[in-house]
Amino acid sequence: MSDSTVKKVSSKTAPKGEMGQTYLVSGKRVSMRLWQNEKPQTDVSNRRDYETVGYVMNGRAELVIEGQTIKLEPGDSWLVPAHAEHSYRILEPFTAVEATAPPAQVHGRDEAKA
């Protein structure tokens, strides 16, 4: 039988990640986070053991993935495959929703900060 537990996480009390993203909810197979009006900044290049998909609501950013630069604007979505070298550069206040599979927080990866 599958787990039918309903989870609700308030963005007011949800933990924050390294770049300021809010961890909205995390299940066994997927987690979701919110980037809300993030200020311009550059992330360090990294590789993750999980896939990431996202959707831009406001602002602009650049995603550098395996040496290719992808410009992200409102209405754009993106995919970062597992193990791909990538970094983000937020160019103007940025709001986006991002999901990871399996969850980013598995085994302490991308540990959220309270």
N, C-alpha and C. Protein backbone atom coordinates (compact mmCIF):
# COMPACT_ATOMS: atom_id res chain seq x y z
N MET A 1 0.84 -1.18 0.00
CA MET A 1 0.00 0.00 0.00
C MET A 1 0.88 1.23 0.00
N SER A 2 0.52 2.21 -0.78
CA SER A 2 1.33 3.43 -0.86
C SER A 2 1.04 4.36 0.32
N ASP A 3 2.02 5.21 0.61
CA ASP A 3 1.88 6.20 1.68
C ASP A 3 0.92 7.28 1.23
N SER A 4 -0.14 7.51 1.98
CA SER A 4 -1.13 8.52 1.61
C SER A 4 -1.07 9.73 2.54
N THR A 5 0.06 9.90 3.23
CA THR A 5 0.22 11.02 4.13
C THR A 5 0.21 12.33 3.35
N VAL A 6 -0.61 13.26 3.78
CA VAL A 6 -0.67 14.57 3.14
C VAL A 6 0.32 15.48 3.84
N LYS A 7 1.15 16.18 3.06
CA LYS A 7 2.15 17.07 3.64
C LYS A 7 1.87 18.49 3.20
N LYS A 8 1.92 19.41 4.15
CA LYS A 8 1.80 20.83 3.84
C LYS A 8 2.95 21.53 4.53
N VAL A 9 3.64 22.40 3.77
CA VAL A 9 4.74 23.17 4.34
C VAL A 9 4.46 24.63 4.04
N SER A 10 4.45 25.45 5.07
CA SER A 10 4.24 26.88 4.89
C SER A 10 5.55 27.53 4.49
N SER A 11 5.51 28.39 3.47
CA SER A 11 6.74 29.07 3.05
C SER A 11 7.28 29.99 4.14
N LYS A 12 6.45 30.33 5.11
CA LYS A 12 6.89 31.19 6.21
C LYS A 12 7.79 30.46 7.20
N THR A 13 7.60 29.14 7.32
CA THR A 13 8.36 28.38 8.30
C THR A 13 9.30 27.35 7.67
N ALA A 14 9.30 27.25 6.35
CA ALA A 14 10.13 26.26 5.66
C ALA A 14 11.61 26.61 5.79
N PRO A 15 12.47 25.59 5.86
CA PRO A 15 13.91 25.84 5.96
C PRO A 15 14.48 26.44 4.68
N LYS A 16 15.63 27.13 4.81
CA LYS A 16 16.29 27.80 3.69
C LYS A 16 17.53 27.03 3.27
N GLY A 17 17.85 27.10 1.96
CA GLY A 17 19.05 26.47 1.43
C GLY A 17 20.20 27.45 1.33
N GLU A 18 21.32 26.98 0.80
CA GLU A 18 22.55 27.77 0.73
C GLU A 18 22.41 29.08 -0.03
N MET A 19 21.64 29.09 -1.12
CA MET A 19 21.51 30.30 -1.92
C MET A 19 20.22 31.05 -1.59
N GLY A 20 19.55 30.67 -0.50
CA GLY A 20 18.35 31.38 -0.09
C GLY A 20 17.05 30.73 -0.51
N GLN A 21 17.11 29.63 -1.27
CA GLN A 21 15.89 28.98 -1.70
C GLN A 21 15.14 28.38 -0.51
N THR A 22 13.82 28.33 -0.61
CA THR A 22 12.97 27.78 0.44
C THR A 22 12.61 26.35 0.07
N TYR A 23 12.84 25.41 0.99
CA TYR A 23 12.46 24.02 0.77
C TYR A 23 10.98 23.89 1.07
N LEU A 24 10.16 23.69 0.03
CA LEU A 24 8.72 23.66 0.20
C LEU A 24 8.22 22.33 0.73
N VAL A 25 8.60 21.24 0.10
CA VAL A 25 8.15 19.92 0.55
C VAL A 25 9.11 18.88 -0.03
N SER A 26 9.23 17.77 0.66
CA SER A 26 10.09 16.70 0.20
C SER A 26 9.42 15.37 0.49
N GLY A 27 9.39 14.51 -0.52
CA GLY A 27 8.82 13.18 -0.37
C GLY A 27 9.91 12.14 -0.59
N LYS A 28 9.50 10.91 -0.80
CA LYS A 28 10.46 9.83 -1.03
C LYS A 28 11.10 9.91 -2.41
N ARG A 29 10.37 10.46 -3.40
CA ARG A 29 10.86 10.46 -4.77
C ARG A 29 11.17 11.83 -5.34
N VAL A 30 10.70 12.89 -4.71
CA VAL A 30 10.89 14.23 -5.26
C VAL A 30 10.87 15.27 -4.15
N SER A 31 11.58 16.38 -4.36
CA SER A 31 11.48 17.52 -3.45
C SER A 31 11.27 18.77 -4.29
N MET A 32 10.71 19.79 -3.67
CA MET A 32 10.42 21.03 -4.37
C MET A 32 10.93 22.20 -3.54
N ARG A 33 11.51 23.20 -4.23
CA ARG A 33 11.98 24.39 -3.54
C ARG A 33 11.59 25.63 -4.33
N LEU A 34 11.56 26.73 -3.62
CA LEU A 34 11.15 28.01 -4.19
C LEU A 34 12.29 29.00 -4.08
N TRP A 35 12.61 29.65 -5.17
CA TRP A 35 13.53 30.77 -5.19
C TRP A 35 12.62 31.99 -5.27
N GLN A 36 12.58 32.83 -4.26
CA GLN A 36 11.65 33.95 -4.23
C GLN A 36 12.40 35.27 -4.11
N ASN A 37 12.37 36.06 -5.20
CA ASN A 37 13.06 37.36 -5.24
C ASN A 37 14.51 37.27 -4.79
N GLU A 38 15.21 36.23 -5.27
CA GLU A 38 16.62 36.06 -4.93
C GLU A 38 17.43 37.17 -5.56
N LYS A 39 18.33 37.75 -4.80
CA LYS A 39 19.17 38.85 -5.28
C LYS A 39 20.24 38.33 -6.23
N PRO A 40 20.76 39.19 -7.10
CA PRO A 40 21.84 38.78 -8.00
C PRO A 40 23.00 38.15 -7.22
N GLN A 41 23.46 37.03 -7.73
CA GLN A 41 24.56 36.28 -7.11
C GLN A 41 25.01 35.19 -8.08
N THR A 42 26.16 34.62 -7.80
CA THR A 42 26.68 33.52 -8.61
C THR A 42 26.93 32.33 -7.70
N ASP A 43 26.47 31.17 -8.13
CA ASP A 43 26.67 29.92 -7.42
C ASP A 43 27.99 29.30 -7.87
N VAL A 44 28.62 28.52 -7.01
CA VAL A 44 29.82 27.80 -7.42
C VAL A 44 29.41 26.62 -8.28
N SER A 45 30.28 26.22 -9.18
CA SER A 45 30.01 25.09 -10.06
C SER A 45 29.96 23.81 -9.24
N ASN A 46 28.99 22.94 -9.54
CA ASN A 46 28.89 21.69 -8.81
C ASN A 46 28.24 20.61 -9.67
N ARG A 47 28.26 19.39 -9.17
CA ARG A 47 27.58 18.25 -9.77
C ARG A 47 26.72 17.63 -8.68
N ARG A 48 25.53 17.22 -9.04
CA ARG A 48 24.62 16.62 -8.07
C ARG A 48 24.24 15.21 -8.52
N ASP A 49 23.85 14.38 -7.58
CA ASP A 49 23.46 13.00 -7.86
C ASP A 49 22.01 12.89 -8.31
N TYR A 50 21.36 14.01 -8.52
CA TYR A 50 19.94 13.99 -8.84
C TYR A 50 19.62 14.94 -9.98
N GLU A 51 18.48 14.71 -10.65
CA GLU A 51 18.00 15.61 -11.70
C GLU A 51 17.30 16.81 -11.08
N THR A 52 17.38 17.94 -11.76
CA THR A 52 16.68 19.15 -11.32
C THR A 52 15.91 19.71 -12.50
N VAL A 53 14.63 20.04 -12.27
CA VAL A 53 13.83 20.75 -13.26
C VAL A 53 13.32 22.02 -12.60
N GLY A 54 13.14 23.07 -13.40
CA GLY A 54 12.68 24.33 -12.83
C GLY A 54 11.84 25.12 -13.80
N TYR A 55 11.15 26.11 -13.26
CA TYR A 55 10.30 27.01 -14.05
C TYR A 55 10.46 28.42 -13.50
N VAL A 56 10.76 29.39 -14.39
CA VAL A 56 10.99 30.78 -14.01
C VAL A 56 9.67 31.55 -14.02
N MET A 57 9.38 32.22 -12.90
CA MET A 57 8.18 33.06 -12.80
C MET A 57 8.52 34.53 -13.02
N ASN A 58 9.64 34.99 -12.45
CA ASN A 58 10.08 36.39 -12.57
C ASN A 58 11.60 36.44 -12.57
N GLY A 59 12.11 37.51 -13.18
CA GLY A 59 13.55 37.76 -13.14
C GLY A 59 14.29 37.04 -14.26
N ARG A 60 15.63 37.17 -14.19
CA ARG A 60 16.49 36.57 -15.19
C ARG A 60 17.69 35.94 -14.51
N ALA A 61 18.15 34.84 -15.09
CA ALA A 61 19.34 34.16 -14.59
C ALA A 61 20.03 33.47 -15.76
N GLU A 62 21.23 33.02 -15.51
CA GLU A 62 21.94 32.19 -16.48
C GLU A 62 22.28 30.87 -15.80
N LEU A 63 22.08 29.80 -16.53
CA LEU A 63 22.46 28.47 -16.09
C LEU A 63 23.61 28.04 -16.98
N VAL A 64 24.76 27.78 -16.38
CA VAL A 64 25.91 27.27 -17.12
C VAL A 64 25.96 25.77 -16.84
N ILE A 65 25.75 24.99 -17.90
CA ILE A 65 25.69 23.54 -17.74
C ILE A 65 26.62 22.88 -18.75
N GLU A 66 27.61 22.15 -18.23
CA GLU A 66 28.61 21.48 -19.07
C GLU A 66 29.21 22.45 -20.09
N GLY A 67 29.50 23.69 -19.65
CA GLY A 67 30.16 24.68 -20.49
C GLY A 67 29.24 25.48 -21.40
N GLN A 68 27.95 25.18 -21.42
CA GLN A 68 26.99 25.92 -22.25
C GLN A 68 26.18 26.85 -21.36
N THR A 69 25.97 28.09 -21.82
CA THR A 69 25.19 29.06 -21.04
C THR A 69 23.77 29.13 -21.59
N ILE A 70 22.81 28.95 -20.70
CA ILE A 70 21.40 29.02 -21.04
C ILE A 70 20.81 30.20 -20.29
N LYS A 71 20.19 31.13 -21.02
CA LYS A 71 19.54 32.28 -20.39
C LYS A 71 18.14 31.88 -19.95
N LEU A 72 17.81 32.18 -18.71
CA LEU A 72 16.50 31.85 -18.14
C LEU A 72 15.70 33.11 -17.90
N GLU A 73 14.49 33.18 -18.45
CA GLU A 73 13.60 34.32 -18.31
C GLU A 73 12.21 33.82 -17.95
N PRO A 74 11.30 34.72 -17.53
CA PRO A 74 9.95 34.29 -17.16
C PRO A 74 9.31 33.42 -18.25
N GLY A 75 8.73 32.31 -17.82
CA GLY A 75 8.10 31.37 -18.73
C GLY A 75 9.01 30.25 -19.20
N ASP A 76 10.33 30.38 -18.96
CA ASP A 76 11.28 29.34 -19.35
C ASP A 76 11.32 28.24 -18.30
N SER A 77 11.63 27.04 -18.74
CA SER A 77 11.88 25.94 -17.82
C SER A 77 13.23 25.32 -18.17
N TRP A 78 13.79 24.54 -17.24
CA TRP A 78 15.11 23.95 -17.48
C TRP A 78 15.20 22.58 -16.85
N LEU A 79 16.20 21.82 -17.31
CA LEU A 79 16.52 20.51 -16.78
C LEU A 79 18.02 20.42 -16.62
N VAL A 80 18.47 20.02 -15.44
CA VAL A 80 19.88 19.71 -15.21
C VAL A 80 19.94 18.21 -14.94
N PRO A 81 20.53 17.43 -15.85
CA PRO A 81 20.62 15.99 -15.63
C PRO A 81 21.50 15.66 -14.42
N ALA A 82 21.28 14.52 -13.84
CA ALA A 82 22.12 14.05 -12.74
C ALA A 82 23.58 14.03 -13.21
N HIS A 83 24.48 14.44 -12.35
CA HIS A 83 25.94 14.42 -12.56
C HIS A 83 26.46 15.47 -13.55
N ALA A 84 25.60 16.35 -14.07
CA ALA A 84 26.07 17.39 -15.00
C ALA A 84 26.69 18.54 -14.21
N GLU A 85 27.85 18.99 -14.65
CA GLU A 85 28.48 20.15 -14.00
C GLU A 85 27.67 21.39 -14.35
N HIS A 86 27.32 22.17 -13.33
CA HIS A 86 26.47 23.34 -13.58
C HIS A 86 26.62 24.39 -12.48
N SER A 87 26.20 25.62 -12.81
CA SER A 87 26.13 26.71 -11.84
C SER A 87 25.07 27.68 -12.31
N TYR A 88 24.57 28.49 -11.38
CA TYR A 88 23.56 29.50 -11.68
C TYR A 88 24.15 30.89 -11.43
N ARG A 89 23.75 31.83 -12.25
CA ARG A 89 24.11 33.23 -12.04
C ARG A 89 22.81 34.02 -12.11
N ILE A 90 22.37 34.53 -10.97
CA ILE A 90 21.13 35.30 -10.93
C ILE A 90 21.47 36.73 -11.33
N LEU A 91 20.80 37.22 -12.38
CA LEU A 91 21.11 38.52 -12.96
C LEU A 91 20.24 39.64 -12.40
N GLU A 92 19.02 39.32 -12.01
CA GLU A 92 18.10 40.30 -11.41
C GLU A 92 17.17 39.52 -10.50
N PRO A 93 16.49 40.20 -9.56
CA PRO A 93 15.65 39.47 -8.61
C PRO A 93 14.88 38.34 -9.31
N PHE A 94 15.04 37.13 -8.79
CA PHE A 94 14.66 35.90 -9.47
C PHE A 94 13.69 35.09 -8.63
N THR A 95 12.56 34.71 -9.26
CA THR A 95 11.59 33.84 -8.60
C THR A 95 11.35 32.63 -9.51
N ALA A 96 11.55 31.44 -8.97
CA ALA A 96 11.39 30.21 -9.74
C ALA A 96 11.03 29.07 -8.79
N VAL A 97 10.41 28.04 -9.33
CA VAL A 97 10.13 26.82 -8.60
C VAL A 97 11.02 25.74 -9.20
N GLU A 98 11.59 24.91 -8.33
CA GLU A 98 12.53 23.89 -8.76
C GLU A 98 12.16 22.57 -8.08
N ALA A 99 12.26 21.47 -8.81
CA ALA A 99 12.01 20.15 -8.24
C ALA A 99 13.20 19.25 -8.54
N THR A 100 13.49 18.35 -7.61
CA THR A 100 14.60 17.43 -7.77
C THR A 100 14.11 16.00 -7.56
N ALA A 101 14.70 15.06 -8.32
CA ALA A 101 14.35 13.66 -8.17
C ALA A 101 15.61 12.83 -8.34
N PRO A 102 15.94 11.97 -7.36
CA PRO A 102 15.29 11.87 -6.05
C PRO A 102 15.50 13.14 -5.24
N PRO A 103 14.84 13.25 -4.09
CA PRO A 103 14.90 14.48 -3.30
C PRO A 103 16.33 14.96 -3.04
N ALA A 104 16.54 16.26 -3.14
CA ALA A 104 17.85 16.86 -2.93
C ALA A 104 18.37 16.60 -1.53
N GLN A 105 17.49 16.42 -0.58
CA GLN A 105 17.92 16.30 0.82
C GLN A 105 18.25 14.87 1.24
N VAL A 106 18.18 13.91 0.29
CA VAL A 106 18.53 12.53 0.59
C VAL A 106 19.99 12.47 1.02
N HIS A 107 20.27 11.76 2.08
CA HIS A 107 21.63 11.58 2.60
C HIS A 107 22.33 12.89 2.92
N GLY A 108 21.57 13.94 3.28
CA GLY A 108 22.16 15.19 3.71
C GLY A 108 22.64 16.08 2.58
N ARG A 109 22.37 15.74 1.32
CA ARG A 109 22.78 16.59 0.20
C ARG A 109 21.93 17.85 0.24
N ASP A 110 22.53 18.97 -0.10
CA ASP A 110 21.83 20.25 -0.10
C ASP A 110 21.11 20.47 1.22
N GLU A 111 21.76 20.15 2.31
CA GLU A 111 21.16 20.32 3.63
C GLU A 111 20.53 21.70 3.75
N ALA A 112 19.29 21.74 4.12
CA ALA A 112 18.60 23.02 4.32
C ALA A 112 19.05 23.63 5.63
N LYS A 113 19.12 24.96 5.68
CA LYS A 113 19.49 25.67 6.90
C LYS A 113 18.22 26.20 7.56
N ALA A 114 18.08 25.94 8.84
CA ALA A 114 16.88 26.39 9.56
C ALA A 114 16.90 27.89 9.76
